[in-house]
Amino acid sequence: MKNYQLGEFEEIVILTVGILNNSAYSVAIKEEIESRLARTVSMGALHTALKRLEDKGYLKSFAGEATEERAGRPKRYFEITALGKKAMQYAKSSRDQLWQAIPKTVLQTNKLTIVN
């Protein structure tokens, strides 16, 4: 189903929004991805992915409370929509099917013995 296509980074972002649940705003998403995947994330790339996911209807955002520490600006929180949940299920199902199709011998690692 082409309607549910997610790019790799989009998939990581939407999964992270799910992990953070009610606390998913851009800085928290960035920090969660970086800590879980040991991967550097630029705010520009993250904002682009969040916008794309919103445009596709997979995420929706809403403004939180304005705070003094943010000069009166509210945090923008993200949550997964019903369509986003379907996209996530499709991505997981697709990956599971591919993993299951790999012959076990392909994934085996052979222990090499080094002889001096």
N, C-alpha and C. Protein backbone atom coordinates (compact mmCIF):
# COMPACT_ATOMS: atom_id res chain seq x y z
N MET A 1 0.83 -1.19 0.00
CA MET A 1 0.00 0.00 0.00
C MET A 1 0.87 1.24 0.00
N LYS A 2 0.93 1.87 -1.12
CA LYS A 2 1.79 3.03 -1.26
C LYS A 2 1.36 4.18 -0.36
N ASN A 3 0.09 4.23 0.01
CA ASN A 3 -0.42 5.31 0.85
C ASN A 3 0.27 5.36 2.21
N TYR A 4 0.83 4.25 2.64
CA TYR A 4 1.40 4.18 3.98
C TYR A 4 2.92 4.21 3.99
N GLN A 5 3.56 4.64 2.93
CA GLN A 5 5.01 4.63 2.87
C GLN A 5 5.61 5.61 3.87
N LEU A 6 6.61 5.13 4.58
CA LEU A 6 7.38 5.96 5.51
C LEU A 6 8.86 5.83 5.13
N GLY A 7 9.54 6.96 5.08
CA GLY A 7 10.99 6.91 4.93
C GLY A 7 11.60 6.44 6.24
N GLU A 8 12.88 6.05 6.19
CA GLU A 8 13.52 5.53 7.40
C GLU A 8 13.48 6.54 8.55
N PHE A 9 13.86 7.79 8.27
CA PHE A 9 13.88 8.78 9.35
C PHE A 9 12.46 9.11 9.80
N GLU A 10 11.52 9.16 8.88
CA GLU A 10 10.12 9.39 9.26
C GLU A 10 9.64 8.28 10.20
N GLU A 11 10.01 7.05 9.89
CA GLU A 11 9.62 5.93 10.75
C GLU A 11 10.22 6.08 12.14
N ILE A 12 11.48 6.45 12.20
CA ILE A 12 12.14 6.67 13.50
C ILE A 12 11.42 7.77 14.27
N VAL A 13 11.07 8.85 13.59
CA VAL A 13 10.40 9.98 14.25
C VAL A 13 9.03 9.57 14.78
N ILE A 14 8.22 8.91 13.95
CA ILE A 14 6.88 8.55 14.39
C ILE A 14 6.92 7.51 15.52
N LEU A 15 7.88 6.59 15.47
CA LEU A 15 8.05 5.64 16.57
C LEU A 15 8.44 6.36 17.86
N THR A 16 9.29 7.36 17.74
CA THR A 16 9.72 8.13 18.91
C THR A 16 8.56 8.94 19.48
N VAL A 17 7.72 9.49 18.63
CA VAL A 17 6.52 10.20 19.11
C VAL A 17 5.68 9.22 19.92
N GLY A 18 5.56 7.99 19.45
CA GLY A 18 4.82 6.97 20.20
C GLY A 18 5.47 6.66 21.54
N ILE A 19 6.77 6.56 21.57
CA ILE A 19 7.49 6.29 22.82
C ILE A 19 7.24 7.41 23.83
N LEU A 20 7.34 8.65 23.36
CA LEU A 20 7.20 9.80 24.26
C LEU A 20 5.75 10.07 24.66
N ASN A 21 4.82 9.57 23.85
CA ASN A 21 3.40 9.69 24.11
C ASN A 21 3.00 11.15 24.32
N ASN A 22 2.60 11.54 25.50
CA ASN A 22 2.09 12.90 25.74
C ASN A 22 3.19 13.94 25.91
N SER A 23 4.44 13.54 25.83
CA SER A 23 5.56 14.46 26.02
C SER A 23 6.35 14.67 24.74
N ALA A 24 5.73 14.43 23.59
CA ALA A 24 6.45 14.48 22.32
C ALA A 24 6.46 15.88 21.73
N TYR A 25 7.52 16.62 21.98
CA TYR A 25 7.77 17.90 21.32
C TYR A 25 9.17 17.84 20.75
N SER A 26 9.52 18.75 19.86
CA SER A 26 10.72 18.58 19.03
C SER A 26 12.01 18.31 19.82
N VAL A 27 12.28 19.05 20.86
CA VAL A 27 13.53 18.85 21.60
C VAL A 27 13.54 17.48 22.26
N ALA A 28 12.42 17.07 22.85
CA ALA A 28 12.34 15.75 23.49
C ALA A 28 12.48 14.64 22.46
N ILE A 29 11.89 14.81 21.28
CA ILE A 29 12.00 13.81 20.21
C ILE A 29 13.46 13.68 19.78
N LYS A 30 14.12 14.81 19.57
CA LYS A 30 15.53 14.83 19.17
C LYS A 30 16.39 14.10 20.21
N GLU A 31 16.21 14.44 21.48
CA GLU A 31 17.01 13.84 22.54
C GLU A 31 16.75 12.34 22.67
N GLU A 32 15.50 11.93 22.50
CA GLU A 32 15.15 10.51 22.60
C GLU A 32 15.80 9.71 21.47
N ILE A 33 15.72 10.23 20.26
CA ILE A 33 16.35 9.55 19.12
C ILE A 33 17.85 9.44 19.34
N GLU A 34 18.46 10.55 19.73
CA GLU A 34 19.91 10.56 19.92
C GLU A 34 20.34 9.60 21.02
N SER A 35 19.59 9.52 22.11
CA SER A 35 19.99 8.64 23.21
C SER A 35 19.72 7.17 22.89
N ARG A 36 18.64 6.87 22.22
CA ARG A 36 18.30 5.47 21.92
C ARG A 36 19.12 4.90 20.77
N LEU A 37 19.41 5.73 19.77
CA LEU A 37 20.07 5.22 18.57
C LEU A 37 21.51 5.68 18.41
N ALA A 38 22.00 6.46 19.36
CA ALA A 38 23.36 7.00 19.26
C ALA A 38 23.57 7.62 17.89
N ARG A 39 22.62 8.44 17.51
CA ARG A 39 22.59 9.06 16.18
C ARG A 39 22.35 10.55 16.36
N THR A 40 23.15 11.37 15.71
CA THR A 40 22.98 12.82 15.80
C THR A 40 21.82 13.23 14.90
N VAL A 41 20.97 14.09 15.43
CA VAL A 41 19.80 14.57 14.68
C VAL A 41 19.83 16.09 14.65
N SER A 42 19.74 16.67 13.46
CA SER A 42 19.68 18.13 13.38
C SER A 42 18.23 18.57 13.56
N MET A 43 18.04 19.72 14.16
CA MET A 43 16.68 20.23 14.35
C MET A 43 16.00 20.49 13.01
N GLY A 44 16.77 20.91 12.02
CA GLY A 44 16.20 21.15 10.69
C GLY A 44 15.63 19.88 10.08
N ALA A 45 16.39 18.79 10.16
CA ALA A 45 15.92 17.51 9.62
C ALA A 45 14.70 17.02 10.40
N LEU A 46 14.73 17.20 11.71
CA LEU A 46 13.60 16.77 12.53
C LEU A 46 12.34 17.56 12.19
N HIS A 47 12.47 18.88 12.10
CA HIS A 47 11.30 19.72 11.78
C HIS A 47 10.75 19.39 10.39
N THR A 48 11.63 19.10 9.45
CA THR A 48 11.19 18.71 8.11
C THR A 48 10.40 17.41 8.16
N ALA A 49 10.90 16.43 8.90
CA ALA A 49 10.21 15.14 9.02
C ALA A 49 8.88 15.30 9.74
N LEU A 50 8.84 16.10 10.79
CA LEU A 50 7.58 16.33 11.51
C LEU A 50 6.55 16.99 10.60
N LYS A 51 6.99 17.96 9.81
CA LYS A 51 6.08 18.64 8.88
C LYS A 51 5.56 17.66 7.83
N ARG A 52 6.45 16.84 7.27
CA ARG A 52 6.03 15.85 6.27
C ARG A 52 5.02 14.87 6.87
N LEU A 53 5.29 14.42 8.09
CA LEU A 53 4.37 13.48 8.74
C LEU A 53 3.01 14.13 9.03
N GLU A 54 3.04 15.40 9.37
CA GLU A 54 1.77 16.12 9.56
C GLU A 54 1.04 16.29 8.23
N ASP A 55 1.79 16.65 7.19
CA ASP A 55 1.19 16.83 5.86
C ASP A 55 0.56 15.53 5.34
N LYS A 56 1.17 14.40 5.67
CA LYS A 56 0.64 13.10 5.26
C LYS A 56 -0.57 12.69 6.11
N GLY A 57 -0.79 13.40 7.21
CA GLY A 57 -1.89 13.06 8.10
C GLY A 57 -1.54 12.02 9.14
N TYR A 58 -0.24 11.71 9.32
CA TYR A 58 0.20 10.70 10.27
C TYR A 58 0.37 11.25 11.69
N LEU A 59 0.64 12.54 11.77
CA LEU A 59 0.78 13.23 13.06
C LEU A 59 -0.12 14.44 13.07
N LYS A 60 -0.51 14.85 14.26
CA LYS A 60 -1.14 16.16 14.41
C LYS A 60 -0.43 16.85 15.57
N SER A 61 -0.43 18.16 15.54
CA SER A 61 0.27 18.90 16.59
C SER A 61 -0.69 19.87 17.26
N PHE A 62 -0.31 20.24 18.45
CA PHE A 62 -1.08 21.22 19.20
C PHE A 62 -0.13 21.99 20.11
N ALA A 63 -0.52 23.21 20.43
CA ALA A 63 0.32 24.06 21.27
C ALA A 63 0.08 23.76 22.74
N GLY A 64 1.16 23.67 23.49
CA GLY A 64 1.08 23.50 24.93
C GLY A 64 0.98 24.86 25.59
N GLU A 65 1.22 24.89 26.87
CA GLU A 65 1.17 26.14 27.63
C GLU A 65 2.40 27.00 27.32
N ALA A 66 2.19 28.29 27.24
CA ALA A 66 3.31 29.22 27.08
C ALA A 66 4.08 29.29 28.39
N THR A 67 5.41 29.36 28.28
CA THR A 67 6.23 29.43 29.49
C THR A 67 7.20 30.60 29.40
N GLU A 68 7.59 31.09 30.55
CA GLU A 68 8.55 32.19 30.59
C GLU A 68 9.90 31.76 30.05
N GLU A 69 10.30 30.52 30.35
CA GLU A 69 11.61 30.04 29.90
C GLU A 69 11.71 30.01 28.38
N ARG A 70 10.56 29.99 27.70
CA ARG A 70 10.54 30.00 26.24
C ARG A 70 10.06 31.36 25.71
N ALA A 71 10.25 32.38 26.51
CA ALA A 71 9.88 33.76 26.14
C ALA A 71 8.40 33.86 25.75
N GLY A 72 7.58 33.11 26.47
CA GLY A 72 6.14 33.17 26.24
C GLY A 72 5.63 32.31 25.10
N ARG A 73 6.54 31.62 24.42
CA ARG A 73 6.12 30.75 23.31
C ARG A 73 5.75 29.38 23.85
N PRO A 74 4.70 28.80 23.33
CA PRO A 74 4.32 27.45 23.78
C PRO A 74 5.12 26.37 23.04
N LYS A 75 5.29 25.22 23.68
CA LYS A 75 5.88 24.07 23.00
C LYS A 75 4.83 23.52 22.05
N ARG A 76 5.26 22.96 20.92
CA ARG A 76 4.35 22.30 19.98
C ARG A 76 4.49 20.79 20.20
N TYR A 77 3.41 20.18 20.66
CA TYR A 77 3.39 18.75 20.93
C TYR A 77 2.81 17.99 19.75
N PHE A 78 3.24 16.74 19.59
CA PHE A 78 2.81 15.91 18.47
C PHE A 78 2.18 14.63 19.00
N GLU A 79 1.15 14.18 18.27
CA GLU A 79 0.56 12.89 18.58
C GLU A 79 0.24 12.16 17.28
N ILE A 80 0.19 10.85 17.38
CA ILE A 80 -0.04 10.01 16.20
C ILE A 80 -1.54 9.94 15.92
N THR A 81 -1.90 10.11 14.66
CA THR A 81 -3.30 10.01 14.26
C THR A 81 -3.65 8.54 13.97
N ALA A 82 -4.93 8.28 13.71
CA ALA A 82 -5.36 6.93 13.34
C ALA A 82 -4.67 6.48 12.05
N LEU A 83 -4.54 7.40 11.10
CA LEU A 83 -3.85 7.09 9.84
C LEU A 83 -2.37 6.80 10.10
N GLY A 84 -1.77 7.55 11.01
CA GLY A 84 -0.37 7.32 11.39
C GLY A 84 -0.18 5.95 12.01
N LYS A 85 -1.14 5.52 12.81
CA LYS A 85 -1.06 4.19 13.43
C LYS A 85 -1.14 3.11 12.35
N LYS A 86 -1.98 3.32 11.34
CA LYS A 86 -2.05 2.36 10.24
C LYS A 86 -0.73 2.32 9.47
N ALA A 87 -0.12 3.49 9.26
CA ALA A 87 1.17 3.55 8.57
C ALA A 87 2.24 2.82 9.37
N MET A 88 2.22 2.96 10.68
CA MET A 88 3.19 2.28 11.54
C MET A 88 2.99 0.76 11.47
N GLN A 89 1.74 0.32 11.51
CA GLN A 89 1.44 -1.11 11.44
C GLN A 89 1.88 -1.68 10.09
N TYR A 90 1.65 -0.91 9.03
CA TYR A 90 2.05 -1.35 7.70
C TYR A 90 3.58 -1.46 7.62
N ALA A 91 4.28 -0.49 8.15
CA ALA A 91 5.76 -0.51 8.12
C ALA A 91 6.28 -1.71 8.90
N LYS A 92 5.72 -1.96 10.08
CA LYS A 92 6.16 -3.10 10.89
C LYS A 92 5.87 -4.41 10.19
N SER A 93 4.69 -4.54 9.64
CA SER A 93 4.30 -5.76 8.93
C SER A 93 5.22 -6.01 7.74
N SER A 94 5.50 -4.97 6.98
CA SER A 94 6.38 -5.09 5.82
C SER A 94 7.77 -5.54 6.23
N ARG A 95 8.31 -4.93 7.26
CA ARG A 95 9.65 -5.30 7.73
C ARG A 95 9.66 -6.73 8.28
N ASP A 96 8.63 -7.09 9.03
CA ASP A 96 8.55 -8.45 9.58
C ASP A 96 8.52 -9.48 8.45
N GLN A 97 7.75 -9.22 7.40
CA GLN A 97 7.68 -10.14 6.26
C GLN A 97 9.04 -10.31 5.60
N LEU A 98 9.75 -9.20 5.45
CA LEU A 98 11.09 -9.28 4.85
C LEU A 98 12.04 -10.06 5.74
N TRP A 99 12.04 -9.78 7.05
CA TRP A 99 12.92 -10.50 7.97
C TRP A 99 12.62 -11.99 7.96
N GLN A 100 11.34 -12.34 7.92
CA GLN A 100 10.97 -13.76 7.94
C GLN A 100 11.35 -14.47 6.65
N ALA A 101 11.50 -13.74 5.57
CA ALA A 101 11.85 -14.34 4.27
C ALA A 101 13.35 -14.61 4.12
N ILE A 102 14.16 -14.07 5.00
CA ILE A 102 15.61 -14.28 4.92
C ILE A 102 15.92 -15.68 5.45
N PRO A 103 16.61 -16.49 4.65
CA PRO A 103 16.99 -17.83 5.14
C PRO A 103 17.86 -17.71 6.39
N LYS A 104 17.63 -18.60 7.35
CA LYS A 104 18.37 -18.54 8.62
C LYS A 104 19.88 -18.59 8.42
N THR A 105 20.32 -19.29 7.39
CA THR A 105 21.77 -19.41 7.15
C THR A 105 22.39 -18.07 6.80
N VAL A 106 21.61 -17.18 6.22
CA VAL A 106 22.13 -15.86 5.86
C VAL A 106 22.47 -15.05 7.11
N LEU A 107 21.68 -15.25 8.15
CA LEU A 107 21.87 -14.47 9.37
C LEU A 107 22.82 -15.10 10.38
N GLN A 108 23.25 -16.33 10.12
CA GLN A 108 24.17 -17.00 11.03
C GLN A 108 25.54 -16.36 10.94
N THR A 109 26.17 -16.23 12.08
CA THR A 109 27.55 -15.77 12.09
C THR A 109 28.43 -16.96 12.45
N ASN A 110 29.49 -17.10 11.73
CA ASN A 110 30.42 -18.18 12.00
C ASN A 110 31.52 -17.67 12.90
N LYS A 111 31.77 -18.41 13.95
CA LYS A 111 32.85 -18.04 14.85
C LYS A 111 34.16 -18.51 14.23
N LEU A 112 35.01 -17.57 13.97
CA LEU A 112 36.31 -17.91 13.38
C LEU A 112 37.32 -18.14 14.51
N THR A 113 38.11 -19.18 14.35
CA THR A 113 39.18 -19.44 15.30
C THR A 113 40.49 -18.96 14.70
N ILE A 114 41.18 -18.12 15.42
CA ILE A 114 42.46 -17.61 14.95
C ILE A 114 43.55 -18.50 15.52
N VAL A 115 44.36 -19.04 14.62
CA VAL A 115 45.45 -19.93 15.03
C VAL A 115 46.76 -19.17 14.88
N ASN A 116 47.55 -19.19 15.93
CA ASN A 116 48.86 -18.54 15.88
C ASN A 116 49.93 -19.51 15.54
